Structure formats: C-alpha cells, structure tokens
Protein backbone atom coordinates (compact mmCIF):
# COMPACT_ATOMS: atom_id res chain seq x y z
CA MET A 1 -0.80 -3.44 -1.94
CA SER A 2 -1.39 -0.14 -3.73
CA PRO A 3 1.57 2.26 -4.38
CA ASN A 4 -0.16 4.83 -2.27
CA LEU A 5 -0.26 2.55 0.74
CA TRP A 6 3.38 1.64 0.32
CA ARG A 7 4.38 5.22 0.42
CA ARG A 8 2.34 5.86 3.52
CA LEU A 9 3.87 2.80 5.20
CA LEU A 10 7.34 3.99 4.29
CA ALA A 11 6.58 7.38 5.64
CA GLU A 12 5.50 5.88 8.85
CA PHE A 13 8.55 3.65 8.98
CA ALA A 14 10.97 6.48 8.31
CA GLY A 15 9.33 9.02 10.58
CA THR A 16 9.14 6.71 13.51
CA ALA A 17 12.72 5.65 12.87
CA LEU A 18 13.98 9.29 12.84
CA LEU A 19 11.79 10.22 16.01
CA VAL A 20 13.46 7.28 17.98
CA THR A 21 16.81 8.37 16.47
CA ALA A 22 16.24 11.78 17.89
CA VAL A 23 15.06 10.47 21.35
CA VAL A 24 18.01 7.97 21.73
CA GLY A 25 20.75 10.22 20.16
CA SER A 26 19.93 13.33 21.98
CA GLY A 27 19.82 11.13 25.18
CA ILE A 28 23.30 9.85 24.41
CA MET A 29 24.58 13.28 23.49
CA ALA A 30 23.12 14.78 26.74
CA THR A 31 25.09 12.19 28.97
CA ARG A 32 28.25 13.01 27.17
CA LEU A 33 28.00 16.79 27.50
CA SER A 34 26.29 17.18 30.82
CA ALA A 35 26.87 15.58 34.28
CA ASP A 36 23.53 16.67 35.93
CA ALA A 37 20.57 14.59 35.45
CA GLY A 38 18.11 17.34 35.16
CA LEU A 39 20.15 19.15 32.59
CA GLN A 40 20.29 15.82 30.74
CA LEU A 41 16.52 15.50 30.74
CA LEU A 42 16.05 19.03 29.53
CA GLU A 43 18.49 18.56 26.54
CA ASN A 44 16.67 15.22 25.69
CA SER A 45 13.20 16.71 25.80
CA ILE A 46 13.97 19.78 23.79
CA ALA A 47 15.64 17.83 21.11
CA THR A 48 12.61 15.38 21.04
CA ALA A 49 9.97 18.08 21.01
CA PHE A 50 11.55 19.98 18.01
CA ALA A 51 12.36 16.80 16.16
CA LEU A 52 8.74 15.54 16.50
CA GLY A 53 7.28 18.76 15.24
CA ALA A 54 9.71 18.71 12.17
CA LEU A 55 8.85 15.04 11.49
CA ILE A 56 5.06 15.77 11.50
CA LEU A 57 5.55 18.64 8.96
CA THR A 58 7.78 16.30 6.85
CA PHE A 59 5.77 13.09 6.76
CA GLY A 60 2.24 14.44 7.68
CA PRO A 61 1.33 15.19 3.93
CA VAL A 62 2.15 11.48 3.19
CA SER A 63 0.85 9.37 5.90
CA GLY A 64 -0.85 11.67 8.66
CA ALA A 65 2.56 11.40 10.57
CA HIS A 66 1.04 8.96 13.29
CA PHE A 67 4.37 7.47 14.34
CA ASN A 68 2.46 5.73 17.12
CA PRO A 69 0.31 2.51 17.20
CA VAL A 70 -2.21 4.09 19.76
CA VAL A 71 -2.78 7.18 17.63
CA SER A 72 -3.35 4.79 14.51
CA ALA A 73 -5.74 2.69 16.66
CA ALA A 74 -7.65 5.57 17.84
CA ASP A 75 -7.98 6.88 14.28
CA TRP A 76 -9.32 3.38 13.16
CA PHE A 77 -11.69 3.14 16.23
CA LEU A 78 -13.11 6.57 16.06
CA GLY A 79 -13.40 6.87 12.36
CA ARG A 80 -14.78 3.35 11.64
CA ARG A 81 -18.44 4.37 12.04
CA ALA A 82 -18.11 7.59 10.01
CA GLY A 83 -16.09 5.73 7.31
CA THR A 84 -13.15 7.93 7.76
CA GLY A 85 -9.57 7.25 9.21
CA LEU A 86 -7.65 4.01 8.67
CA SER A 87 -9.07 0.68 7.75
CA GLY A 88 -8.26 -2.42 9.65
CA ARG A 89 -5.68 -3.57 6.95
CA GLU A 90 -4.16 -0.11 6.92
CA LEU A 91 -4.04 -0.07 10.72
CA ALA A 92 -1.97 -3.30 10.78
CA GLY A 93 0.39 -2.09 8.28
CA TYR A 94 0.93 1.22 10.30
CA VAL A 95 1.61 -0.72 13.40
CA VAL A 96 4.22 -2.97 11.72
CA ALA A 97 5.94 0.01 10.07
CA GLN A 98 5.94 1.97 13.23
CA VAL A 99 7.55 -0.83 15.25
CA GLY A 100 10.03 -1.77 12.67
CA GLY A 101 10.96 2.04 12.22
CA ALA A 102 11.38 2.37 15.97
CA ILE A 103 13.71 -0.51 16.26
CA GLY A 104 15.84 0.66 13.21
CA GLY A 105 16.01 4.23 14.79
CA ALA A 106 17.40 2.86 18.06
CA VAL A 107 20.01 0.88 16.11
CA LEU A 108 20.85 3.91 13.84
CA ALA A 109 21.39 6.17 16.97
CA ASP A 110 23.73 3.53 18.60
CA LEU A 111 25.76 3.23 15.36
CA MET A 112 26.15 7.05 15.01
CA PHE A 113 27.71 7.21 18.53
CA ARG A 114 29.99 4.22 18.00
CA LEU A 115 28.02 1.97 20.31
CA PRO A 116 26.82 -1.52 19.75
CA ALA A 117 24.04 -1.72 17.07
CA VAL A 118 22.02 -3.85 19.30
CA ASP A 119 22.47 -3.58 23.15
CA LEU A 120 19.41 -4.48 25.08
CA SER A 121 18.70 -1.97 27.88
CA ALA A 122 19.31 -2.74 31.41
CA ARG A 123 17.34 0.30 32.58
CA GLN A 124 14.41 -0.94 34.73
CA ARG A 125 11.26 1.28 34.50
CA ALA A 126 8.43 -0.34 36.45
CA GLY A 127 5.92 0.44 39.02
CA GLY A 128 2.34 1.88 39.46
CA ASP A 129 3.53 5.44 39.36
CA LEU A 130 5.32 5.05 36.16
CA TRP A 131 2.43 3.18 34.63
CA LEU A 132 -0.07 5.89 35.76
CA GLY A 133 2.29 8.59 34.15
CA GLU A 134 1.99 6.52 30.93
CA VAL A 135 -1.92 6.41 31.05
CA VAL A 136 -1.92 10.17 31.67
CA ALA A 137 0.41 11.04 28.84
CA THR A 138 -1.03 8.67 26.24
CA ALA A 139 -4.71 9.95 26.97
CA GLY A 140 -3.64 13.57 27.03
CA LEU A 141 -1.78 13.14 23.63
CA LEU A 142 -4.81 11.60 21.92
CA LEU A 143 -7.26 14.14 23.39
CA LEU A 144 -4.95 16.93 21.94
CA ILE A 145 -4.71 15.36 18.54
CA PHE A 146 -8.43 14.71 17.92
CA ALA A 147 -9.37 17.88 19.59
CA LEU A 148 -7.37 19.80 17.10
CA ALA A 149 -8.63 17.68 14.12
CA ARG A 150 -12.13 18.00 15.08
CA SER A 151 -11.88 21.82 15.62
CA GLY A 152 -10.28 22.41 12.34
CA ARG A 153 -6.81 23.15 13.65
CA ALA A 154 -4.91 20.13 12.47
CA ALA A 155 -2.39 22.52 10.97
CA ALA A 156 -1.35 23.37 14.52
CA ALA A 157 -0.43 19.71 15.24
CA PRO A 158 3.36 19.95 14.66
CA ALA A 159 3.79 22.66 17.10
CA ALA A 160 1.18 21.47 19.71
CA VAL A 161 2.18 17.73 19.69
CA GLY A 162 5.84 18.70 19.85
CA ALA A 163 5.15 21.02 22.70
CA TYR A 164 3.01 18.53 24.66
CA ILE A 165 5.54 15.73 24.47
CA GLY A 166 8.45 18.13 25.46
CA ALA A 167 6.22 19.25 28.58
CA ALA A 168 5.03 15.64 29.25
CA TYR A 169 8.83 14.63 29.85
CA TRP A 170 8.69 16.88 32.95
CA PHE A 171 5.08 16.50 34.48
CA THR A 172 4.67 12.75 34.14
CA SER A 173 6.78 10.32 36.29
CA SER A 174 7.53 8.01 33.22
CA THR A 175 9.02 10.82 31.23
CA SER A 176 6.11 10.46 28.72
CA PHE A 177 6.95 7.53 26.32
CA ALA A 178 3.27 7.44 25.13
CA ASN A 179 3.82 5.27 22.42
CA PRO A 180 4.21 1.44 22.16
CA ALA A 181 6.46 1.51 19.13
CA VAL A 182 8.84 4.01 20.67
CA THR A 183 8.75 1.90 23.80
CA ILE A 184 9.81 -1.28 21.98
CA GLY A 185 12.62 0.52 20.07
CA ARG A 186 14.10 2.08 23.18
CA ALA A 187 14.54 -1.44 24.54
CA PHE A 188 17.26 -2.05 21.97
CA THR A 189 19.62 0.63 23.29
CA ASP A 190 21.43 0.59 26.73
CA THR A 191 21.65 4.33 26.92
CA PHE A 192 20.03 7.20 28.74
CA ALA A 193 16.69 6.69 26.84
CA GLY A 194 16.59 3.00 27.12
CA ILE A 195 13.95 0.80 28.96
CA ALA A 196 14.72 -2.82 29.98
CA PRO A 197 12.78 -5.46 27.78
CA GLY A 198 11.20 -6.74 31.08
CA SER A 199 9.68 -3.21 31.65
CA VAL A 200 8.21 -3.01 28.12
CA PRO A 201 4.97 -4.97 28.60
CA GLY A 202 3.92 -2.79 31.75
CA PHE A 203 4.50 0.34 29.67
CA VAL A 204 2.72 -0.89 26.66
CA ALA A 205 -0.29 -2.03 28.83
CA ALA A 206 -0.41 1.37 30.43
CA GLN A 207 -0.45 2.92 27.05
CA LEU A 208 -3.17 0.86 25.85
CA ALA A 209 -5.21 1.86 28.84
CA GLY A 210 -4.40 5.46 28.04
CA LEU A 211 -5.79 4.73 24.45
CA VAL A 212 -9.11 3.70 26.08
CA VAL A 213 -9.24 6.61 28.54
CA GLY A 214 -8.13 9.08 25.82
CA ALA A 215 -10.73 7.59 23.24
CA GLY A 216 -13.41 7.87 25.93
CA LEU A 217 -12.55 11.46 26.63
CA VAL A 218 -12.56 12.33 22.94
CA LEU A 219 -16.02 10.72 22.44
CA ALA A 220 -17.46 12.47 25.52
CA LEU A 221 -16.05 15.84 24.77
CA TYR A 222 -16.46 15.63 20.94
CA PRO A 223 -19.05 13.16 19.97
CA SER A 224 -18.58 13.67 16.36
CA ALA A 225 -14.91 13.36 16.38
CA GLY A 226 -14.95 10.44 14.13
CA THR A 227 -15.89 12.38 11.22
CA ALA A 228 -12.48 14.28 11.50
CA ALA A 229 -10.37 11.07 11.93
CA GLY A 230 -9.06 11.30 8.34
CA ASP A 231 -7.43 14.72 9.37
CA VAL A 232 -5.27 13.03 12.05
CA VAL A 233 -2.52 14.18 12.35
CA VAL A 234 -2.32 16.11 9.10
CA ARG A 235 -4.60 15.16 6.32
CA PRO A 236 -2.73 13.16 3.67
CA ILE A 237 -2.08 15.29 0.46
CA GLU A 238 -4.17 13.07 -1.85
CA GLU A 239 -7.21 13.57 0.38
CA ARG A 240 -6.62 17.43 0.20
CA HIS A 241 -6.57 17.47 -3.54
CA ARG A 242 -9.85 15.42 -4.13
C-alpha cells in the first residue's frame, strides 16, 4: 500500500474516532450536568456539530474527511464513470478505517469518563419511524455534500455539514446517526449516545437505503456530479497541488 494511502486511512481512522469520542463524550457529560432530556440533547448536538466541523477542517486536506462509509460509497459510485473519487480498493480501506476508528472512539470516551472500556449498549432504537428518520438524515447529508462539491463550494463543507448534522439531531426521529460506522461504534457504549447491538442492523439498513435515495437525488439534480467526486468533502492536498 502506498504511503499516501496509508496517511489517508490514518486520517479517516483518527477523524472518525474523534468524531465518535465527541458524540459519546458530550452525551456522557450532558447527562452528568443536566437532568432535562431536551437540554441533554441540545448539549450533545451542539458539541457534535462543532466537533464535526473542526474535524473536517483538520483531516479534510489529507483524506477528504469522509468519516462515513455512505459518503465514501457515494463518492466511489458517483465518481467511477468520470474517473474521479475513490477506487474500489480505496473504498474498502476507508470503510475498515472508519469502522475501526468509530469503535476506538467509543472506547476512548468511556475511558475518559471512568466507565468500562467496552460496555455494550442496552438502549433499544428500533421501529419504522426511526428507520425513516435515518433514511431522511442520510439522503439529506449526501445531497448537501455533493451539491457543495458540484457547485464549487466544497470549502463551505465544515460549517455546512456540521450545521446539518446539528439540526438533524432535532428534526429526525432517530437523532440523525446517518453513518454506519458511527452506529456500530455507538453500540460499544452503554451511555446516552449508545445503541443496542440488536438495533444496529436496522439503522445500517436504513442508512444504506438513504445512500440509494441520496445518490439518486444527486444524479437527478446534478447529472454531472461525478466529475466533482474528487472534491468530497475537501479535496486532498496532493490533488490541489497537481
């Protein structure tokens, strides 16, 4: 594997790990500081939105800051005909790095708050309403990202993506996981942000459905979106210097 790809995979691993650390850690802190469920969700969503924007700025110049298998899969699918975006081999590496990072991030958050490193969640999240929420959240995320890339506004992704995820905590019934890797990672913590392992397949299936819906909307609205797949989310620094 080339040194460049290793750096990109490390960036995806570290970025996804820190994202899940932010999601889980802020959830733990919220429950310790506040008794009201609405206030806890507000604290959790604000911390996640700000952290996501900062992480995209940090790791975007290295890997594109996907941190999400559906974003990487959409990048591969939309870019393959135009010869842009991820290759199949890179997609596989990204997904493995993202899932591994997500699990590591949950463990890190638990350890920081003196909780068991691995404590599978008992928080059941299942039902058609929640799965529909995940379809909406995931499709909207993909549409936003590729619309920004296609219109030459990829530099706005840190603020825009962070704002969207922060808002989607509130307007979706599922509180917007919108990310298979993050979903799997959150199964390893029995805290405010956790999800029971038995609920993970339903969420991941809904997110994959959101991938299909989102990619379809992107193609319908931006038929040439594939030509900008290399810019998702932030074009890697090596590409900008060619």
